Amino acid sequence: MSIAAQPLTSVDSALSPWWLRTVLIVMVLGFAGLIVITSLAYRNAPPIPAQVLDAQGICLFTGDDISQGQAIFLK
């Protein structure tokens, strides 16, 4: 049997077992950071007004118009 066909054992492995642990820790911390940032972005989102009026008191657009406009980007 050739060397290429034999499976690697832990002694033959080129990487330390700490590499796997480090990669997993970095991935977990990275995803946790993304989750925290995303939740803060939704929590700290600006309020949507019920109506936007001009100086004369005429309604320019409503909160429903804003929500419908946002829905275009969520498709």
PDB file of N, CA and C in Angstrom:
ATOM      1  N   MET A   1       0.844  -1.161   0.000  1.00  0.00           N
ATOM      2  CA  MET A   1       0.000   0.000   0.000  1.00  0.00           C
ATOM      3  C   MET A   1       0.898   1.235   0.000  1.00  0.00           C
ATOM      4  N   SER A   2       0.530   2.225  -0.802  1.00  0.00           N
ATOM      5  CA  SER A   2       1.352   3.431  -0.876  1.00  0.00           C
ATOM      6  C   SER A   2       1.059   4.350   0.304  1.00  0.00           C
ATOM      7  N   ILE A   3       1.930   5.289   0.520  1.00  0.00           N
ATOM      8  CA  ILE A   3       1.777   6.233   1.630  1.00  0.00           C
ATOM      9  C   ILE A   3       0.550   7.117   1.408  1.00  0.00           C
ATOM     10  N   ALA A   4       0.266   7.470   0.169  1.00  0.00           N
ATOM     11  CA  ALA A   4      -0.859   8.356  -0.122  1.00  0.00           C
ATOM     12  C   ALA A   4      -2.198   7.705   0.216  1.00  0.00           C
ATOM     13  N   ALA A   5      -2.281   6.396   0.188  1.00  0.00           N
ATOM     14  CA  ALA A   5      -3.541   5.705   0.437  1.00  0.00           C
ATOM     15  C   ALA A   5      -3.797   5.468   1.921  1.00  0.00           C
ATOM     16  N   GLN A   6      -2.808   5.677   2.772  1.00  0.00           N
ATOM     17  CA  GLN A   6      -2.982   5.419   4.196  1.00  0.00           C
ATOM     18  C   GLN A   6      -3.593   6.637   4.890  1.00  0.00           C
ATOM     19  N   PRO A   7      -4.524   6.406   5.808  1.00  0.00           N
ATOM     20  CA  PRO A   7      -5.107   7.540   6.539  1.00  0.00           C
ATOM     21  C   PRO A   7      -4.091   8.135   7.509  1.00  0.00           C
ATOM     22  N   LEU A   8      -4.229   9.421   7.767  1.00  0.00           N
ATOM     23  CA  LEU A   8      -3.340  10.091   8.708  1.00  0.00           C
ATOM     24  C   LEU A   8      -3.722   9.720  10.131  1.00  0.00           C
ATOM     25  N   THR A   9      -2.738   9.501  10.945  1.00  0.00           N
ATOM     26  CA  THR A   9      -2.986   9.284  12.366  1.00  0.00           C
ATOM     27  C   THR A   9      -2.687  10.575  13.101  1.00  0.00           C
ATOM     28  N   SER A  10      -2.964  10.612  14.380  1.00  0.00           N
ATOM     29  CA  SER A  10      -2.733  11.839  15.143  1.00  0.00           C
ATOM     30  C   SER A  10      -1.249  12.203  15.182  1.00  0.00           C
ATOM     31  N   VAL A  11      -0.366  11.209  15.107  1.00  0.00           N
ATOM     32  CA  VAL A  11       1.068  11.476  15.113  1.00  0.00           C
ATOM     33  C   VAL A  11       1.486  12.092  13.779  1.00  0.00           C
ATOM     34  N   ASP A  12       0.861  11.649  12.679  1.00  0.00           N
ATOM     35  CA  ASP A  12       1.221  12.141  11.355  1.00  0.00           C
ATOM     36  C   ASP A  12       0.560  13.479  11.024  1.00  0.00           C
ATOM     37  N   SER A  13      -0.384  13.901  11.815  1.00  0.00           N
ATOM     38  CA  SER A  13      -1.117  15.133  11.524  1.00  0.00           C
ATOM     39  C   SER A  13      -0.178  16.336  11.596  1.00  0.00           C
ATOM     40  N   ALA A  14      -0.315  17.231  10.624  1.00  0.00           N
ATOM     41  CA  ALA A  14       0.556  18.399  10.568  1.00  0.00           C
ATOM     42  C   ALA A  14       0.083  19.511  11.503  1.00  0.00           C
ATOM     43  N   LEU A  15      -1.183  19.491  11.887  1.00  0.00           N
ATOM     44  CA  LEU A  15      -1.728  20.551  12.729  1.00  0.00           C
ATOM     45  C   LEU A  15      -1.940  20.061  14.150  1.00  0.00           C
ATOM     46  N   SER A  16      -1.727  20.950  15.064  1.00  0.00           N
ATOM     47  CA  SER A  16      -1.954  20.663  16.475  1.00  0.00           C
ATOM     48  C   SER A  16      -3.457  20.579  16.742  1.00  0.00           C
ATOM     49  N   PRO A  17      -3.881  19.791  17.732  1.00  0.00           N
ATOM     50  CA  PRO A  17      -5.309  19.753  18.071  1.00  0.00           C
ATOM     51  C   PRO A  17      -5.826  21.107  18.556  1.00  0.00           C
ATOM     52  N   TRP A  18      -4.941  21.990  18.959  1.00  0.00           N
ATOM     53  CA  TRP A  18      -5.355  23.322  19.399  1.00  0.00           C
ATOM     54  C   TRP A  18      -5.872  24.164  18.246  1.00  0.00           C
ATOM     55  N   TRP A  19      -5.456  23.847  17.010  1.00  0.00           N
ATOM     56  CA  TRP A  19      -5.969  24.574  15.854  1.00  0.00           C
ATOM     57  C   TRP A  19      -7.480  24.411  15.749  1.00  0.00           C
ATOM     58  N   LEU A  20      -7.957  23.197  15.876  1.00  0.00           N
ATOM     59  CA  LEU A  20      -9.398  22.945  15.789  1.00  0.00           C
ATOM     60  C   LEU A  20     -10.133  23.674  16.905  1.00  0.00           C
ATOM     61  N   ARG A  21      -9.611  23.606  18.110  1.00  0.00           N
ATOM     62  CA  ARG A  21     -10.250  24.295  19.236  1.00  0.00           C
ATOM     63  C   ARG A  21     -10.268  25.799  19.007  1.00  0.00           C
ATOM     64  N   THR A  22      -9.165  26.339  18.536  1.00  0.00           N
ATOM     65  CA  THR A  22      -9.075  27.775  18.294  1.00  0.00           C
ATOM     66  C   THR A  22     -10.047  28.212  17.206  1.00  0.00           C
ATOM     67  N   VAL A  23     -10.122  27.458  16.135  1.00  0.00           N
ATOM     68  CA  VAL A  23     -11.049  27.792  15.048  1.00  0.00           C
ATOM     69  C   VAL A  23     -12.485  27.747  15.548  1.00  0.00           C
ATOM     70  N   LEU A  24     -12.841  26.740  16.315  1.00  0.00           N
ATOM     71  CA  LEU A  24     -14.201  26.643  16.850  1.00  0.00           C
ATOM     72  C   LEU A  24     -14.515  27.800  17.798  1.00  0.00           C
ATOM     73  N   ILE A  25     -13.566  28.161  18.647  1.00  0.00           N
ATOM     74  CA  ILE A  25     -13.784  29.280  19.572  1.00  0.00           C
ATOM     75  C   ILE A  25     -13.967  30.585  18.799  1.00  0.00           C
ATOM     76  N   VAL A  26     -13.133  30.807  17.786  1.00  0.00           N
ATOM     77  CA  VAL A  26     -13.248  32.026  16.982  1.00  0.00           C
ATOM     78  C   VAL A  26     -14.589  32.063  16.253  1.00  0.00           C
ATOM     79  N   MET A  27     -15.029  30.925  15.724  1.00  0.00           N
ATOM     80  CA  MET A  27     -16.317  30.882  15.035  1.00  0.00           C
ATOM     81  C   MET A  27     -17.468  31.165  15.992  1.00  0.00           C
ATOM     82  N   VAL A  28     -17.448  30.557  17.167  1.00  0.00           N
ATOM     83  CA  VAL A  28     -18.518  30.774  18.143  1.00  0.00           C
ATOM     84  C   VAL A  28     -18.553  32.238  18.578  1.00  0.00           C
ATOM     85  N   LEU A  29     -17.391  32.805  18.882  1.00  0.00           N
ATOM     86  CA  LEU A  29     -17.348  34.211  19.289  1.00  0.00           C
ATOM     87  C   LEU A  29     -17.760  35.139  18.148  1.00  0.00           C
ATOM     88  N   GLY A  30     -17.367  34.809  16.937  1.00  0.00           N
ATOM     89  CA  GLY A  30     -17.748  35.624  15.781  1.00  0.00           C
ATOM     90  C   GLY A  30     -19.247  35.627  15.550  1.00  0.00           C
ATOM     91  N   PHE A  31     -19.862  34.435  15.581  1.00  0.00           N
ATOM     92  CA  PHE A  31     -21.311  34.365  15.397  1.00  0.00           C
ATOM     93  C   PHE A  31     -22.045  35.015  16.561  1.00  0.00           C
ATOM     94  N   ALA A  32     -21.527  34.864  17.774  1.00  0.00           N
ATOM     95  CA  ALA A  32     -22.156  35.519  18.928  1.00  0.00           C
ATOM     96  C   ALA A  32     -22.101  37.035  18.761  1.00  0.00           C
ATOM     97  N   GLY A  33     -20.983  37.547  18.290  1.00  0.00           N
ATOM     98  CA  GLY A  33     -20.871  38.981  18.043  1.00  0.00           C
ATOM     99  C   GLY A  33     -21.848  39.460  16.978  1.00  0.00           C
ATOM    100  N   LEU A  34     -22.001  38.685  15.910  1.00  0.00           N
ATOM    101  CA  LEU A  34     -22.957  39.051  14.867  1.00  0.00           C
ATOM    102  C   LEU A  34     -24.386  39.059  15.389  1.00  0.00           C
ATOM    103  N   ILE A  35     -24.721  38.090  16.232  1.00  0.00           N
ATOM    104  CA  ILE A  35     -26.067  38.031  16.809  1.00  0.00           C
ATOM    105  C   ILE A  35     -26.315  39.236  17.704  1.00  0.00           C
ATOM    106  N   VAL A  36     -25.333  39.595  18.524  1.00  0.00           N
ATOM    107  CA  VAL A  36     -25.487  40.747  19.423  1.00  0.00           C
ATOM    108  C   VAL A  36     -25.641  42.034  18.614  1.00  0.00           C
ATOM    109  N   ILE A  37     -24.809  42.223  17.606  1.00  0.00           N
ATOM    110  CA  ILE A  37     -24.882  43.437  16.791  1.00  0.00           C
ATOM    111  C   ILE A  37     -26.226  43.525  16.071  1.00  0.00           C
ATOM    112  N   THR A  38     -26.710  42.402  15.552  1.00  0.00           N
ATOM    113  CA  THR A  38     -27.998  42.394  14.863  1.00  0.00           C
ATOM    114  C   THR A  38     -29.135  42.727  15.810  1.00  0.00           C
ATOM    115  N   SER A  39     -29.120  42.138  16.999  1.00  0.00           N
ATOM    116  CA  SER A  39     -30.203  42.419  17.950  1.00  0.00           C
ATOM    117  C   SER A  39     -30.165  43.875  18.407  1.00  0.00           C
ATOM    118  N   LEU A  40     -28.979  44.445  18.582  1.00  0.00           N
ATOM    119  CA  LEU A  40     -28.878  45.856  18.956  1.00  0.00           C
ATOM    120  C   LEU A  40     -29.359  46.771  17.829  1.00  0.00           C
ATOM    121  N   ALA A  41     -29.111  46.380  16.592  1.00  0.00           N
ATOM    122  CA  ALA A  41     -29.564  47.193  15.464  1.00  0.00           C
ATOM    123  C   ALA A  41     -31.086  47.244  15.411  1.00  0.00           C
ATOM    124  N   TYR A  42     -31.741  46.128  15.679  1.00  0.00           N
ATOM    125  CA  TYR A  42     -33.203  46.127  15.680  1.00  0.00           C
ATOM    126  C   TYR A  42     -33.754  46.852  16.899  1.00  0.00           C
ATOM    127  N   ARG A  43     -33.116  46.710  18.029  1.00  0.00           N
ATOM    128  CA  ARG A  43     -33.597  47.349  19.254  1.00  0.00           C
ATOM    129  C   ARG A  43     -33.424  48.864  19.186  1.00  0.00           C
ATOM    130  N   ASN A  44     -32.339  49.329  18.591  1.00  0.00           N
ATOM    131  CA  ASN A  44     -32.046  50.760  18.523  1.00  0.00           C
ATOM    132  C   ASN A  44     -32.497  51.394  17.210  1.00  0.00           C
ATOM    133  N   ALA A  45     -33.389  50.733  16.487  1.00  0.00           N
ATOM    134  CA  ALA A  45     -33.875  51.275  15.224  1.00  0.00           C
ATOM    135  C   ALA A  45     -34.696  52.536  15.484  1.00  0.00           C
ATOM    136  N   PRO A  46     -34.626  53.488  14.579  1.00  0.00           N
ATOM    137  CA  PRO A  46     -35.393  54.718  14.784  1.00  0.00           C
ATOM    138  C   PRO A  46     -36.893  54.438  14.702  1.00  0.00           C
ATOM    139  N   PRO A  47     -37.692  55.215  15.418  1.00  0.00           N
ATOM    140  CA  PRO A  47     -39.140  55.014  15.369  1.00  0.00           C
ATOM    141  C   PRO A  47     -39.708  55.438  14.012  1.00  0.00           C
ATOM    142  N   ILE A  48     -40.798  54.810  13.621  1.00  0.00           N
ATOM    143  CA  ILE A  48     -41.481  55.167  12.382  1.00  0.00           C
ATOM    144  C   ILE A  48     -42.673  56.048  12.758  1.00  0.00           C
ATOM    145  N   PRO A  49     -42.710  57.287  12.263  1.00  0.00           N
ATOM    146  CA  PRO A  49     -43.807  58.181  12.640  1.00  0.00           C
ATOM    147  C   PRO A  49     -45.126  57.746  12.009  1.00  0.00           C
ATOM    148  N   ALA A  50     -46.227  58.104  12.651  1.00  0.00           N
ATOM    149  CA  ALA A  50     -47.546  57.792  12.100  1.00  0.00           C
ATOM    150  C   ALA A  50     -47.800  58.618  10.846  1.00  0.00           C
ATOM    151  N   GLN A  51     -47.386  59.896  10.871  1.00  0.00           N
ATOM    152  CA  GLN A  51     -47.539  60.782   9.717  1.00  0.00           C
ATOM    153  C   GLN A  51     -46.367  61.754   9.665  1.00  0.00           C
ATOM    154  N   VAL A  52     -46.035  62.178   8.447  1.00  0.00           N
ATOM    155  CA  VAL A  52     -45.052  63.238   8.253  1.00  0.00           C
ATOM    156  C   VAL A  52     -45.795  64.392   7.592  1.00  0.00           C
ATOM    157  N   LEU A  53     -45.790  65.533   8.263  1.00  0.00           N
ATOM    158  CA  LEU A  53     -46.537  66.699   7.796  1.00  0.00           C
ATOM    159  C   LEU A  53     -45.575  67.785   7.337  1.00  0.00           C
ATOM    160  N   ASP A  54     -46.018  68.577   6.346  1.00  0.00           N
ATOM    161  CA  ASP A  54     -45.215  69.730   5.941  1.00  0.00           C
ATOM    162  C   ASP A  54     -45.581  70.929   6.809  1.00  0.00           C
ATOM    163  N   ALA A  55     -45.046  72.091   6.495  1.00  0.00           N
ATOM    164  CA  ALA A  55     -45.259  73.286   7.322  1.00  0.00           C
ATOM    165  C   ALA A  55     -46.719  73.721   7.361  1.00  0.00           C
ATOM    166  N   GLN A  56     -47.476  73.410   6.318  1.00  0.00           N
ATOM    167  CA  GLN A  56     -48.890  73.786   6.286  1.00  0.00           C
ATOM    168  C   GLN A  56     -49.789  72.739   6.936  1.00  0.00           C
ATOM    169  N   GLY A  57     -49.233  71.629   7.382  1.00  0.00           N
ATOM    170  CA  GLY A  57     -50.012  70.571   8.015  1.00  0.00           C
ATOM    171  C   GLY A  57     -50.553  69.537   7.054  1.00  0.00           C
ATOM    172  N   ILE A  58     -50.083  69.563   5.816  1.00  0.00           N
ATOM    173  CA  ILE A  58     -50.527  68.582   4.823  1.00  0.00           C
ATOM    174  C   ILE A  58     -49.696  67.315   4.995  1.00  0.00           C
ATOM    175  N   CYS A  59     -50.382  66.179   4.994  1.00  0.00           N
ATOM    176  CA  CYS A  59     -49.707  64.885   5.172  1.00  0.00           C
ATOM    177  C   CYS A  59     -48.908  64.554   3.914  1.00  0.00           C
ATOM    178  N   LEU A  60     -47.605  64.396   4.081  1.00  0.00           N
ATOM    179  CA  LEU A  60     -46.744  64.028   2.960  1.00  0.00           C
ATOM    180  C   LEU A  60     -46.739  62.518   2.750  1.00  0.00           C
ATOM    181  N   PHE A  61     -46.554  61.783   3.822  1.00  0.00           N
ATOM    182  CA  PHE A  61     -46.630  60.325   3.782  1.00  0.00           C
ATOM    183  C   PHE A  61     -46.877  59.814   5.184  1.00  0.00           C
ATOM    184  N   THR A  62     -47.272  58.544   5.275  1.00  0.00           N
ATOM    185  CA  THR A  62     -47.628  57.946   6.565  1.00  0.00           C
ATOM    186  C   THR A  62     -46.653  56.833   6.927  1.00  0.00           C
ATOM    187  N   GLY A  63     -46.829  56.316   8.113  1.00  0.00           N
ATOM    188  CA  GLY A  63     -46.017  55.185   8.554  1.00  0.00           C
ATOM    189  C   GLY A  63     -46.242  53.952   7.700  1.00  0.00           C
ATOM    190  N   ASP A  64     -47.468  53.785   7.204  1.00  0.00           N
ATOM    191  CA  ASP A  64     -47.753  52.658   6.306  1.00  0.00           C
ATOM    192  C   ASP A  64     -46.969  52.786   5.002  1.00  0.00           C
ATOM    193  N   ASP A  65     -46.839  54.019   4.500  1.00  0.00           N
ATOM    194  CA  ASP A  65     -46.039  54.235   3.290  1.00  0.00           C
ATOM    195  C   ASP A  65     -44.582  53.837   3.525  1.00  0.00           C
ATOM    196  N   ILE A  66     -44.075  54.161   4.686  1.00  0.00           N
ATOM    197  CA  ILE A  66     -42.693  53.805   5.030  1.00  0.00           C
ATOM    198  C   ILE A  66     -42.549  52.288   5.099  1.00  0.00           C
ATOM    199  N   SER A  67     -43.491  51.627   5.751  1.00  0.00           N
ATOM    200  CA  SER A  67     -43.442  50.160   5.870  1.00  0.00           C
ATOM    201  C   SER A  67     -43.530  49.494   4.506  1.00  0.00           C
ATOM    202  N   GLN A  68     -44.384  50.020   3.627  1.00  0.00           N
ATOM    203  CA  GLN A  68     -44.493  49.457   2.280  1.00  0.00           C
ATOM    204  C   GLN A  68     -43.204  49.675   1.494  1.00  0.00           C
ATOM    205  N   GLY A  69     -42.570  50.824   1.688  1.00  0.00           N
ATOM    206  CA  GLY A  69     -41.291  51.078   1.026  1.00  0.00           C
ATOM    207  C   GLY A  69     -40.193  50.154   1.526  1.00  0.00           C
ATOM    208  N   GLN A  70     -40.205  49.869   2.824  1.00  0.00           N
ATOM    209  CA  GLN A  70     -39.212  48.943   3.377  1.00  0.00           C
ATOM    210  C   GLN A  70     -39.448  47.527   2.877  1.00  0.00           C
ATOM    211  N   ALA A  71     -40.713  47.170   2.639  1.00  0.00           N
ATOM    212  CA  ALA A  71     -41.035  45.813   2.183  1.00  0.00           C
ATOM    213  C   ALA A  71     -40.425  45.525   0.816  1.00  0.00           C
ATOM    214  N   ILE A  72     -40.224  46.561   0.010  1.00  0.00           N
ATOM    215  CA  ILE A  72     -39.604  46.368  -1.305  1.00  0.00           C
ATOM    216  C   ILE A  72     -38.196  45.801  -1.144  1.00  0.00           C
ATOM    217  N   PHE A  73     -37.467  46.280  -0.144  1.00  0.00           N
ATOM    218  CA  PHE A  73     -36.092  45.830   0.064  1.00  0.00           C
ATOM    219  C   PHE A  73     -36.022  44.472   0.750  1.00  0.00           C
ATOM    220  N   LEU A  74     -37.115  44.025   1.360  1.00  0.00           N
ATOM    221  CA  LEU A  74     -37.116  42.744   2.060  1.00  0.00           C
ATOM    222  C   LEU A  74     -37.513  41.583   1.159  1.00  0.00           C
ATOM    223  N   LYS A  75     -37.906  41.877  -0.078  1.00  0.00           N
ATOM    224  CA  LYS A  75     -38.305  40.806  -1.001  1.00  0.00           C
ATOM    225  C   LYS A  75     -37.107  40.070  -1.508  1.00  0.00           C
TER     226      LYS A  75
END
